[in-house]
């Protein structure tokens, strides 16, 4: 789920983003947010469909999704993986997601 931009060029800009060629201003419309999400998914090489939070930031507010969090919500609507916040939680969250998906696929 792509939520509001954490480090936009017109906000809390990060030098690491500049070095990596990431230059995204804070989207002001839903279409701009979708474009930013498409760019992020492409840069990350994601093969899963990307979802985009609304401009009201409803998902972000409901799940405390900022900064970087990884969540997996199962078919019953229960959170089965919740990574630690911030960039440091991302690798463990992805690892836990992969493990959950492997286990889930065995049950099907």
PDB file of N, CA and C in Angstrom:
ATOM      1  N   UNK A   1       0.859  -1.164   0.000  1.00  0.00           N
ATOM      2  CA  UNK A   1       0.000   0.000   0.000  1.00  0.00           C
ATOM      3  C   UNK A   1       0.906   1.227   0.000  1.00  0.00           C
ATOM      4  N   UNK A   2       0.758   2.023  -0.999  1.00  0.00           N
ATOM      5  CA  UNK A   2       1.537   3.260  -1.067  1.00  0.00           C
ATOM      6  C   UNK A   2       0.767   4.337  -0.299  1.00  0.00           C
ATOM      7  N   UNK A   3       1.426   4.920   0.679  1.00  0.00           N
ATOM      8  CA  UNK A   3       0.817   5.990   1.468  1.00  0.00           C
ATOM      9  C   UNK A   3       1.495   7.306   1.092  1.00  0.00           C
ATOM     10  N   UNK A   4       1.309   8.320   1.889  1.00  0.00           N
ATOM     11  CA  UNK A   4       1.916   9.622   1.578  1.00  0.00           C
ATOM     12  C   UNK A   4       3.429   9.485   1.448  1.00  0.00           C
ATOM     13  N   UNK A   5       4.006  10.356   0.645  1.00  0.00           N
ATOM     14  CA  UNK A   5       5.440  10.321   0.390  1.00  0.00           C
ATOM     15  C   UNK A   5       6.193  10.755   1.648  1.00  0.00           C
ATOM     16  N   UNK A   6       7.110   9.930   2.123  1.00  0.00           N
ATOM     17  CA  UNK A   6       7.840  10.214   3.361  1.00  0.00           C
ATOM     18  C   UNK A   6       8.892  11.294   3.186  1.00  0.00           C
ATOM     19  N   UNK A   7       9.550  11.307   2.036  1.00  0.00           N
ATOM     20  CA  UNK A   7      10.664  12.238   1.823  1.00  0.00           C
ATOM     21  C   UNK A   7      10.518  12.954   0.481  1.00  0.00           C
ATOM     22  N   UNK A   8       9.492  13.802   0.371  1.00  0.00           N
ATOM     23  CA  UNK A   8       9.288  14.498  -0.894  1.00  0.00           C
ATOM     24  C   UNK A   8      10.314  15.610  -1.107  1.00  0.00           C
ATOM     25  N   UNK A   9      10.486  15.976  -2.362  1.00  0.00           N
ATOM     26  CA  UNK A   9      11.422  17.058  -2.670  1.00  0.00           C
ATOM     27  C   UNK A   9      10.948  18.391  -2.104  1.00  0.00           C
ATOM     28  N   UNK A  10       9.641  18.513  -1.867  1.00  0.00           N
ATOM     29  CA  UNK A  10       9.094  19.752  -1.317  1.00  0.00           C
ATOM     30  C   UNK A  10       8.798  19.625   0.181  1.00  0.00           C
ATOM     31  N   UNK A  11       9.490  18.704   0.831  1.00  0.00           N
ATOM     32  CA  UNK A  11       9.290  18.483   2.265  1.00  0.00           C
ATOM     33  C   UNK A  11      10.587  18.058   2.921  1.00  0.00           C
ATOM     34  N   UNK A  12      10.530  16.971   3.699  1.00  0.00           N
ATOM     35  CA  UNK A  12      11.705  16.451   4.396  1.00  0.00           C
ATOM     36  C   UNK A  12      12.547  15.659   3.404  1.00  0.00           C
ATOM     37  N   UNK A  13      13.330  16.350   2.628  1.00  0.00           N
ATOM     38  CA  UNK A  13      14.135  15.764   1.557  1.00  0.00           C
ATOM     39  C   UNK A  13      15.336  15.031   2.146  1.00  0.00           C
ATOM     40  N   UNK A  14      15.676  13.906   1.554  1.00  0.00           N
ATOM     41  CA  UNK A  14      16.808  13.104   2.017  1.00  0.00           C
ATOM     42  C   UNK A  14      17.915  13.116   0.971  1.00  0.00           C
ATOM     43  N   UNK A  15      19.148  13.327   1.411  1.00  0.00           N
ATOM     44  CA  UNK A  15      20.287  13.285   0.484  1.00  0.00           C
ATOM     45  C   UNK A  15      20.440  11.907  -0.150  1.00  0.00           C
ATOM     46  N   UNK A  16      20.101  10.863   0.600  1.00  0.00           N
ATOM     47  CA  UNK A  16      20.193   9.502   0.057  1.00  0.00           C
ATOM     48  C   UNK A  16      19.260   9.353  -1.146  1.00  0.00           C
ATOM     49  N   UNK A  17      18.079   9.962  -1.088  1.00  0.00           N
ATOM     50  CA  UNK A  17      17.167   9.916  -2.235  1.00  0.00           C
ATOM     51  C   UNK A  17      17.765  10.647  -3.426  1.00  0.00           C
ATOM     52  N   UNK A  18      18.383  11.799  -3.154  1.00  0.00           N
ATOM     53  CA  UNK A  18      19.018  12.563  -4.232  1.00  0.00           C
ATOM     54  C   UNK A  18      20.091  11.713  -4.911  1.00  0.00           C
ATOM     55  N   UNK A  19      20.924  11.041  -4.114  1.00  0.00           N
ATOM     56  CA  UNK A  19      21.995  10.207  -4.669  1.00  0.00           C
ATOM     57  C   UNK A  19      21.433   9.043  -5.486  1.00  0.00           C
ATOM     58  N   UNK A  20      20.268   8.527  -5.063  1.00  0.00           N
ATOM     59  CA  UNK A  20      19.649   7.392  -5.756  1.00  0.00           C
ATOM     60  C   UNK A  20      18.781   7.835  -6.933  1.00  0.00           C
ATOM     61  N   UNK A  21      18.672   9.138  -7.141  1.00  0.00           N
ATOM     62  CA  UNK A  21      17.868   9.641  -8.251  1.00  0.00           C
ATOM     63  C   UNK A  21      16.378   9.637  -7.982  1.00  0.00           C
ATOM     64  N   UNK A  22      16.004   9.607  -6.713  1.00  0.00           N
ATOM     65  CA  UNK A  22      14.590   9.622  -6.340  1.00  0.00           C
ATOM     66  C   UNK A  22      14.184  11.064  -6.073  1.00  0.00           C
ATOM     67  N   UNK A  23      13.304  11.575  -6.898  1.00  0.00           N
ATOM     68  CA  UNK A  23      12.858  12.960  -6.764  1.00  0.00           C
ATOM     69  C   UNK A  23      11.354  13.015  -6.959  1.00  0.00           C
ATOM     70  N   UNK A  24      10.627  12.901  -5.852  1.00  0.00           N
ATOM     71  CA  UNK A  24       9.165  12.894  -5.895  1.00  0.00           C
ATOM     72  C   UNK A  24       8.653  13.999  -4.971  1.00  0.00           C
ATOM     73  N   UNK A  25       7.840  14.889  -5.525  1.00  0.00           N
ATOM     74  CA  UNK A  25       7.224  15.894  -4.659  1.00  0.00           C
ATOM     75  C   UNK A  25       5.975  15.269  -4.039  1.00  0.00           C
ATOM     76  N   UNK A  26       5.493  15.864  -2.960  1.00  0.00           N
ATOM     77  CA  UNK A  26       4.314  15.328  -2.286  1.00  0.00           C
ATOM     78  C   UNK A  26       3.128  15.397  -3.250  1.00  0.00           C
ATOM     79  N   UNK A  27       2.527  14.256  -3.589  1.00  0.00           N
ATOM     80  CA  UNK A  27       1.381  14.277  -4.498  1.00  0.00           C
ATOM     81  C   UNK A  27       0.240  15.123  -3.932  1.00  0.00           C
ATOM     82  N   UNK A  28      -0.377  15.883  -4.815  1.00  0.00           N
ATOM     83  CA  UNK A  28      -1.489  16.750  -4.419  1.00  0.00           C
ATOM     84  C   UNK A  28      -2.836  16.216  -4.895  1.00  0.00           C
ATOM     85  N   UNK A  29      -2.788  15.214  -5.786  1.00  0.00           N
ATOM     86  CA  UNK A  29      -4.003  14.572  -6.273  1.00  0.00           C
ATOM     87  C   UNK A  29      -3.814  13.059  -6.202  1.00  0.00           C
ATOM     88  N   UNK A  30      -4.925  12.347  -6.298  1.00  0.00           N
ATOM     89  CA  UNK A  30      -4.840  10.893  -6.280  1.00  0.00           C
ATOM     90  C   UNK A  30      -4.068  10.368  -7.487  1.00  0.00           C
ATOM     91  N   UNK A  31      -4.276  10.968  -8.651  1.00  0.00           N
ATOM     92  CA  UNK A  31      -3.542  10.531  -9.845  1.00  0.00           C
ATOM     93  C   UNK A  31      -2.039  10.710  -9.668  1.00  0.00           C
ATOM     94  N   UNK A  32      -1.622  11.812  -9.038  1.00  0.00           N
ATOM     95  CA  UNK A  32      -0.192  12.009  -8.766  1.00  0.00           C
ATOM     96  C   UNK A  32       0.317  10.956  -7.792  1.00  0.00           C
ATOM     97  N   UNK A  33      -0.501  10.603  -6.805  1.00  0.00           N
ATOM     98  CA  UNK A  33      -0.094   9.572  -5.841  1.00  0.00           C
ATOM     99  C   UNK A  33       0.044   8.220  -6.533  1.00  0.00           C
ATOM    100  N   UNK A  34      -0.865   7.919  -7.441  1.00  0.00           N
ATOM    101  CA  UNK A  34      -0.771   6.668  -8.208  1.00  0.00           C
ATOM    102  C   UNK A  34       0.522   6.658  -9.025  1.00  0.00           C
ATOM    103  N   UNK A  35       0.862   7.786  -9.636  1.00  0.00           N
ATOM    104  CA  UNK A  35       2.104   7.869 -10.407  1.00  0.00           C
ATOM    105  C   UNK A  35       3.328   7.644  -9.536  1.00  0.00           C
ATOM    106  N   UNK A  36       3.327   8.225  -8.351  1.00  0.00           N
ATOM    107  CA  UNK A  36       4.442   8.022  -7.426  1.00  0.00           C
ATOM    108  C   UNK A  36       4.523   6.558  -6.993  1.00  0.00           C
ATOM    109  N   UNK A  37       3.369   5.934  -6.761  1.00  0.00           N
ATOM    110  CA  UNK A  37       3.340   4.518  -6.374  1.00  0.00           C
ATOM    111  C   UNK A  37       3.878   3.641  -7.498  1.00  0.00           C
ATOM    112  N   UNK A  38       3.496   3.939  -8.725  1.00  0.00           N
ATOM    113  CA  UNK A  38       4.003   3.166  -9.864  1.00  0.00           C
ATOM    114  C   UNK A  38       5.520   3.285  -9.972  1.00  0.00           C
ATOM    115  N   UNK A  39       6.033   4.488  -9.750  1.00  0.00           N
ATOM    116  CA  UNK A  39       7.479   4.698  -9.790  1.00  0.00           C
ATOM    117  C   UNK A  39       8.166   3.903  -8.684  1.00  0.00           C
ATOM    118  N   UNK A  40       7.602   3.925  -7.473  1.00  0.00           N
ATOM    119  CA  UNK A  40       8.185   3.191  -6.342  1.00  0.00           C
ATOM    120  C   UNK A  40       8.165   1.689  -6.606  1.00  0.00           C
ATOM    121  N   UNK A  41       7.053   1.165  -7.102  1.00  0.00           N
ATOM    122  CA  UNK A  41       6.960  -0.275  -7.387  1.00  0.00           C
ATOM    123  C   UNK A  41       7.971  -0.686  -8.445  1.00  0.00           C
ATOM    124  N   UNK A  42       8.136   0.153  -9.461  1.00  0.00           N
ATOM    125  CA  UNK A  42       9.101  -0.152 -10.516  1.00  0.00           C
ATOM    126  C   UNK A  42      10.522  -0.146  -9.961  1.00  0.00           C
ATOM    127  N   UNK A  43      10.855   0.842  -9.137  1.00  0.00           N
ATOM    128  CA  UNK A  43      12.209   0.927  -8.567  1.00  0.00           C
ATOM    129  C   UNK A  43      12.504  -0.248  -7.648  1.00  0.00           C
ATOM    130  N   UNK A  44      11.477  -0.719  -6.922  1.00  0.00           N
ATOM    131  CA  UNK A  44      11.659  -1.843  -6.004  1.00  0.00           C
ATOM    132  C   UNK A  44      11.553  -3.190  -6.711  1.00  0.00           C
ATOM    133  N   UNK A  45      11.139  -3.187  -7.963  1.00  0.00           N
ATOM    134  CA  UNK A  45      11.004  -4.434  -8.710  1.00  0.00           C
ATOM    135  C   UNK A  45       9.906  -5.323  -8.170  1.00  0.00           C
ATOM    136  N   UNK A  46       8.826  -4.730  -7.674  1.00  0.00           N
ATOM    137  CA  UNK A  46       7.738  -5.513  -7.091  1.00  0.00           C
ATOM    138  C   UNK A  46       6.918  -6.193  -8.177  1.00  0.00           C
ATOM    139  N   UNK A  47       6.588  -7.446  -7.962  1.00  0.00           N
ATOM    140  CA  UNK A  47       5.766  -8.171  -8.917  1.00  0.00           C
ATOM    141  C   UNK A  47       4.327  -8.307  -8.421  1.00  0.00           C
ATOM    142  N   UNK A  48       4.063  -7.889  -7.196  1.00  0.00           N
ATOM    143  CA  UNK A  48       2.706  -7.912  -6.649  1.00  0.00           C
ATOM    144  C   UNK A  48       1.981  -6.645  -7.069  1.00  0.00           C
ATOM    145  N   UNK A  49       0.663  -6.704  -7.170  1.00  0.00           N
ATOM    146  CA  UNK A  49      -0.074  -5.473  -7.485  1.00  0.00           C
ATOM    147  C   UNK A  49       0.122  -4.447  -6.368  1.00  0.00           C
ATOM    148  N   UNK A  50       0.273  -3.213  -6.740  1.00  0.00           N
ATOM    149  CA  UNK A  50       0.411  -2.145  -5.763  1.00  0.00           C
ATOM    150  C   UNK A  50      -0.939  -1.501  -5.487  1.00  0.00           C
ATOM    151  N   UNK A  51      -1.189  -1.190  -4.242  1.00  0.00           N
ATOM    152  CA  UNK A  51      -2.402  -0.475  -3.855  1.00  0.00           C
ATOM    153  C   UNK A  51      -1.999   0.914  -3.384  1.00  0.00           C
ATOM    154  N   UNK A  52      -2.923   1.860  -3.483  1.00  0.00           N
ATOM    155  CA  UNK A  52      -2.614   3.240  -3.154  1.00  0.00           C
ATOM    156  C   UNK A  52      -3.641   3.755  -2.155  1.00  0.00           C
ATOM    157  N   UNK A  53      -3.146   4.294  -1.047  1.00  0.00           N
ATOM    158  CA  UNK A  53      -4.010   4.902  -0.033  1.00  0.00           C
ATOM    159  C   UNK A  53      -4.695   6.125  -0.620  1.00  0.00           C
ATOM    160  N   UNK A  54      -5.876   6.423  -0.150  1.00  0.00           N
ATOM    161  CA  UNK A  54      -6.596   7.611  -0.596  1.00  0.00           C
ATOM    162  C   UNK A  54      -5.938   8.883  -0.084  1.00  0.00           C
ATOM    163  N   UNK A  55      -6.343   9.999  -0.626  1.00  0.00           N
ATOM    164  CA  UNK A  55      -5.771  11.282  -0.223  1.00  0.00           C
ATOM    165  C   UNK A  55      -6.144  11.639   1.211  1.00  0.00           C
ATOM    166  N   UNK A  56      -7.130  10.942   1.779  1.00  0.00           N
ATOM    167  CA  UNK A  56      -7.472  11.148   3.191  1.00  0.00           C
ATOM    168  C   UNK A  56      -6.543  10.365   4.116  1.00  0.00           C
ATOM    169  N   UNK A  57      -5.644   9.560   3.538  1.00  0.00           N
ATOM    170  CA  UNK A  57      -4.665   8.763   4.286  1.00  0.00           C
ATOM    171  C   UNK A  57      -5.314   7.786   5.262  1.00  0.00           C
ATOM    172  N   UNK A  58      -6.464   7.251   4.879  1.00  0.00           N
ATOM    173  CA  UNK A  58      -7.225   6.361   5.757  1.00  0.00           C
ATOM    174  C   UNK A  58      -6.476   5.118   6.193  1.00  0.00           C
ATOM    175  N   UNK A  59      -5.783   4.449   5.274  1.00  0.00           N
ATOM    176  CA  UNK A  59      -5.036   3.239   5.624  1.00  0.00           C
ATOM    177  C   UNK A  59      -3.854   3.602   6.526  1.00  0.00           C
ATOM    178  N   UNK A  60      -3.152   4.651   6.165  1.00  0.00           N
ATOM    179  CA  UNK A  60      -2.024   5.121   6.978  1.00  0.00           C
ATOM    180  C   UNK A  60      -2.482   5.374   8.416  1.00  0.00           C
ATOM    181  N   UNK A  61      -3.600   6.057   8.568  1.00  0.00           N
ATOM    182  CA  UNK A  61      -4.095   6.372   9.913  1.00  0.00           C
ATOM    183  C   UNK A  61      -4.585   5.119  10.642  1.00  0.00           C
ATOM    184  N   UNK A  62      -5.253   4.222   9.929  1.00  0.00           N
ATOM    185  CA  UNK A  62      -5.805   3.021  10.566  1.00  0.00           C
ATOM    186  C   UNK A  62      -4.719   2.059  11.035  1.00  0.00           C
ATOM    187  N   UNK A  63      -3.599   1.982  10.292  1.00  0.00           N
ATOM    188  CA  UNK A  63      -2.565   0.996  10.596  1.00  0.00           C
ATOM    189  C   UNK A  63      -1.249   1.599  11.069  1.00  0.00           C
ATOM    190  N   UNK A  64      -1.226   2.894  11.331  1.00  0.00           N
ATOM    191  CA  UNK A  64       0.030   3.549  11.725  1.00  0.00           C
ATOM    192  C   UNK A  64       1.129   3.150  10.758  1.00  0.00           C
ATOM    193  N   UNK A  65       0.855   3.295   9.482  1.00  0.00           N
ATOM    194  CA  UNK A  65       1.735   2.764   8.439  1.00  0.00           C
ATOM    195  C   UNK A  65       2.968   3.613   8.168  1.00  0.00           C
ATOM    196  N   UNK A  66       3.065   4.760   8.726  1.00  0.00           N
ATOM    197  CA  UNK A  66       4.225   5.611   8.464  1.00  0.00           C
ATOM    198  C   UNK A  66       5.099   5.627   9.696  1.00  0.00           C
ATOM    199  N   UNK A  67       6.362   5.529   9.657  1.00  0.00           N
ATOM    200  CA  UNK A  67       7.179   5.309   8.461  1.00  0.00           C
ATOM    201  C   UNK A  67       7.169   3.843   8.073  1.00  0.00           C
ATOM    202  N   UNK A  68       7.815   3.527   6.973  1.00  0.00           N
ATOM    203  CA  UNK A  68       7.834   2.200   6.366  1.00  0.00           C
ATOM    204  C   UNK A  68       7.379   1.101   7.311  1.00  0.00           C
ATOM    205  N   UNK A  69       6.324   0.459   6.960  1.00  0.00           N
ATOM    206  CA  UNK A  69       5.855  -0.715   7.692  1.00  0.00           C
ATOM    207  C   UNK A  69       5.480  -1.764   6.687  1.00  0.00           C
ATOM    208  N   UNK A  70       5.590  -2.989   7.088  1.00  0.00           N
ATOM    209  CA  UNK A  70       5.135  -4.105   6.269  1.00  0.00           C
ATOM    210  C   UNK A  70       4.035  -4.791   7.058  1.00  0.00           C
ATOM    211  N   UNK A  71       2.869  -4.893   6.449  1.00  0.00           N
ATOM    212  CA  UNK A  71       1.744  -5.603   7.033  1.00  0.00           C
ATOM    213  C   UNK A  71       1.294  -6.671   6.058  1.00  0.00           C
ATOM    214  N   UNK A  72       0.817  -7.789   6.604  1.00  0.00           N
ATOM    215  CA  UNK A  72       0.087  -8.778   5.814  1.00  0.00           C
ATOM    216  C   UNK A  72      -1.231  -8.980   6.547  1.00  0.00           C
ATOM    217  N   UNK A  73      -2.310  -8.791   5.803  1.00  0.00           N
ATOM    218  CA  UNK A  73      -3.653  -8.988   6.340  1.00  0.00           C
ATOM    219  C   UNK A  73      -4.204 -10.240   5.670  1.00  0.00           C
ATOM    220  N   UNK A  74      -4.595 -11.225   6.473  1.00  0.00           N
ATOM    221  CA  UNK A  74      -5.049 -12.493   5.887  1.00  0.00           C
ATOM    222  C   UNK A  74      -6.477 -12.371   5.355  1.00  0.00           C
ATOM    223  N   UNK A  75      -6.976 -13.453   4.816  1.00  0.00           N
ATOM    224  CA  UNK A  75      -8.300 -13.450   4.198  1.00  0.00           C
ATOM    225  C   UNK A  75      -9.422 -13.180   5.194  1.00  0.00           C
ATOM    226  N   UNK A  76      -9.172 -13.393   6.473  1.00  0.00           N
ATOM    227  CA  UNK A  76     -10.155 -13.105   7.515  1.00  0.00           C
ATOM    228  C   UNK A  76     -10.060 -11.664   8.007  1.00  0.00           C
ATOM    229  N   UNK A  77      -9.141 -10.889   7.442  1.00  0.00           N
ATOM    230  CA  UNK A  77      -8.972  -9.496   7.849  1.00  0.00           C
ATOM    231  C   UNK A  77      -8.091  -9.315   9.072  1.00  0.00           C
ATOM    232  N   UNK A  78      -7.417 -10.376   9.508  1.00  0.00           N
ATOM    233  CA  UNK A  78      -6.511 -10.287  10.654  1.00  0.00           C
ATOM    234  C   UNK A  78      -5.107  -9.946  10.196  1.00  0.00           C
ATOM    235  N   UNK A  79      -4.415  -9.128  10.981  1.00  0.00           N
ATOM    236  CA  UNK A  79      -3.019  -8.810  10.688  1.00  0.00           C
ATOM    237  C   UNK A  79      -2.181  -9.999  11.139  1.00  0.00           C
ATOM    238  N   UNK A  80      -1.463 -10.612  10.193  1.00  0.00           N
ATOM    239  CA  UNK A  80      -0.643 -11.785  10.508  1.00  0.00           C
ATOM    240  C   UNK A  80       0.844 -11.472  10.477  1.00  0.00           C
ATOM    241  N   UNK A  81       1.229 -10.354   9.871  1.00  0.00           N
ATOM    242  CA  UNK A  81       2.609  -9.873   9.894  1.00  0.00           C
ATOM    243  C   UNK A  81       2.565  -8.368  10.076  1.00  0.00           C
ATOM    244  N   UNK A  82       3.333  -7.881  11.044  1.00  0.00           N
ATOM    245  CA  UNK A  82       3.468  -6.439  11.260  1.00  0.00           C
ATOM    246  C   UNK A  82       4.937  -6.177  11.559  1.00  0.00           C
ATOM    247  N   UNK A  83       5.603  -5.529  10.632  1.00  0.00           N
ATOM    248  CA  UNK A  83       7.028  -5.244  10.811  1.00  0.00           C
ATOM    249  C   UNK A  83       7.229  -4.061  11.752  1.00  0.00           C
ATOM    250  N   UNK A  84       8.412  -3.970  12.281  1.00  0.00           N
ATOM    251  CA  UNK A  84       8.787  -2.819  13.103  1.00  0.00           C
ATOM    252  C   UNK A  84       8.798  -1.570  12.209  1.00  0.00           C
ATOM    253  N   UNK A  85       8.613  -0.391  12.821  1.00  0.00           N
ATOM    254  CA  UNK A  85       8.585   0.836  12.023  1.00  0.00           C
ATOM    255  C   UNK A  85       9.949   1.213  11.476  1.00  0.00           C
ATOM    256  N   UNK A  86       9.875   2.089  10.505  1.00  0.00           N
ATOM    257  CA  UNK A  86      11.091   2.670   9.961  1.00  0.00           C
ATOM    258  C   UNK A  86      11.812   1.750   9.006  1.00  0.00           C
ATOM    259  N   UNK A  87      12.770   2.270   8.331  1.00  0.00           N
ATOM    260  CA  UNK A  87      13.513   1.462   7.363  1.00  0.00           C
ATOM    261  C   UNK A  87      14.169   0.238   7.978  1.00  0.00           C
ATOM    262  N   UNK A  88      14.502   0.289   9.254  1.00  0.00           N
ATOM    263  CA  UNK A  88      15.173  -0.856   9.889  1.00  0.00           C
ATOM    264  C   UNK A  88      14.251  -2.068  10.002  1.00  0.00           C
ATOM    265  N   UNK A  89      12.940  -1.835  10.046  1.00  0.00           N
ATOM    266  CA  UNK A  89      11.995  -2.941  10.155  1.00  0.00           C
ATOM    267  C   UNK A  89      11.645  -3.587   8.830  1.00  0.00           C
ATOM    268  N   UNK A  90      12.016  -2.935   7.734  1.00  0.00           N
ATOM    269  CA  UNK A  90      11.633  -3.413   6.408  1.00  0.00           C
ATOM    270  C   UNK A  90      12.197  -4.795   6.092  1.00  0.00           C
ATOM    271  N   UNK A  91      13.503  -5.059   6.259  1.00  0.00           N
ATOM    272  CA  UNK A  91      14.036  -6.392   5.919  1.00  0.00           C
ATOM    273  C   UNK A  91      13.389  -7.527   6.722  1.00  0.00           C
ATOM    274  N   UNK A  92      13.209  -7.337   8.036  1.00  0.00           N
ATOM    275  CA  UNK A  92      12.579  -8.384   8.847  1.00  0.00           C
ATOM    276  C   UNK A  92      11.121  -8.571   8.449  1.00  0.00           C
ATOM    277  N   UNK A  93      10.460  -7.475   8.103  1.00  0.00           N
ATOM    278  CA  UNK A  93       9.070  -7.562   7.665  1.00  0.00           C
ATOM    279  C   UNK A  93       8.932  -8.328   6.371  1.00  0.00           C
ATOM    280  N   UNK A  94       9.841  -8.091   5.441  1.00  0.00           N
ATOM    281  CA  UNK A  94       9.809  -8.838   4.181  1.00  0.00           C
ATOM    282  C   UNK A  94      10.104 -10.312   4.404  1.00  0.00           C
ATOM    283  N   UNK A  95      11.048 -10.596   5.292  1.00  0.00           N
ATOM    284  CA  UNK A  95      11.387 -11.994   5.609  1.00  0.00           C
ATOM    285  C   UNK A  95      10.162 -12.690   6.226  1.00  0.00           C
ATOM    286  N   UNK A  96       9.510 -12.035   7.175  1.00  0.00           N
ATOM    287  CA  UNK A  96       8.328 -12.616   7.813  1.00  0.00           C
ATOM    288  C   UNK A  96       7.192 -12.796   6.810  1.00  0.00           C
ATOM    289  N   UNK A  97       7.068 -11.842   5.885  1.00  0.00           N
ATOM    290  CA  UNK A  97       6.038 -11.953   4.843  1.00  0.00           C
ATOM    291  C   UNK A  97       6.308 -13.150   3.953  1.00  0.00           C
ATOM    292  N   UNK A  98       7.547 -13.326   3.526  1.00  0.00           N
ATOM    293  CA  UNK A  98       7.915 -14.466   2.677  1.00  0.00           C
ATOM    294  C   UNK A  98       7.605 -15.779   3.405  1.00  0.00           C
ATOM    295  N   UNK A  99       7.970 -15.861   4.683  1.00  0.00           N
ATOM    296  CA  UNK A  99       7.711 -17.079   5.458  1.00  0.00           C
ATOM    297  C   UNK A  99       6.212 -17.353   5.571  1.00  0.00           C
ATOM    298  N   UNK A 100       5.434 -16.287   5.830  1.00  0.00           N
ATOM    299  CA  UNK A 100       3.992 -16.469   5.952  1.00  0.00           C
ATOM    300  C   UNK A 100       3.400 -16.918   4.618  1.00  0.00           C
ATOM    301  N   UNK A 101       3.829 -16.305   3.524  1.00  0.00           N
ATOM    302  CA  UNK A 101       3.303 -16.671   2.208  1.00  0.00           C
ATOM    303  C   UNK A 101       3.645 -18.117   1.864  1.00  0.00           C
ATOM    304  N   UNK A 102       4.854 -18.560   2.197  1.00  0.00           N
ATOM    305  CA  UNK A 102       5.226 -19.948   1.930  1.00  0.00           C
ATOM    306  C   UNK A 102       4.355 -20.908   2.723  1.00  0.00           C
ATOM    307  N   UNK A 103       4.119 -20.590   3.989  1.00  0.00           N
ATOM    308  CA  UNK A 103       3.268 -21.438   4.820  1.00  0.00           C
ATOM    309  C   UNK A 103       1.820 -21.413   4.319  1.00  0.00           C
ATOM    310  N   UNK A 104       1.343 -20.230   3.976  1.00  0.00           N
ATOM    311  CA  UNK A 104      -0.028 -20.083   3.473  1.00  0.00           C
ATOM    312  C   UNK A 104      -0.231 -20.879   2.185  1.00  0.00           C
ATOM    313  N   UNK A 105       0.777 -20.848   1.304  1.00  0.00           N
ATOM    314  CA  UNK A 105       0.647 -21.568   0.026  1.00  0.00           C
ATOM    315  C   UNK A 105       0.598 -23.071   0.219  1.00  0.00           C
ATOM    316  N   UNK A 106       1.200 -23.593   1.286  1.00  0.00           N
ATOM    317  CA  UNK A 106       1.158 -25.024   1.579  1.00  0.00           C
ATOM    318  C   UNK A 106      -0.247 -25.455   2.026  1.00  0.00           C
ATOM    319  N   UNK A 107      -0.982 -24.516   2.620  1.00  0.00           N
ATOM    320  CA  UNK A 107      -2.330 -24.820   3.122  1.00  0.00           C
ATOM    321  C   UNK A 107      -3.370 -24.841   2.009  1.00  0.00           C
ATOM    322  N   UNK A 108      -3.041 -24.296   0.869  1.00  0.00           N
ATOM    323  CA  UNK A 108      -4.014 -24.208  -0.233  1.00  0.00           C
ATOM    324  C   UNK A 108      -4.006 -25.424  -1.090  1.00  0.00           C
TER     325      UNK A 108
END
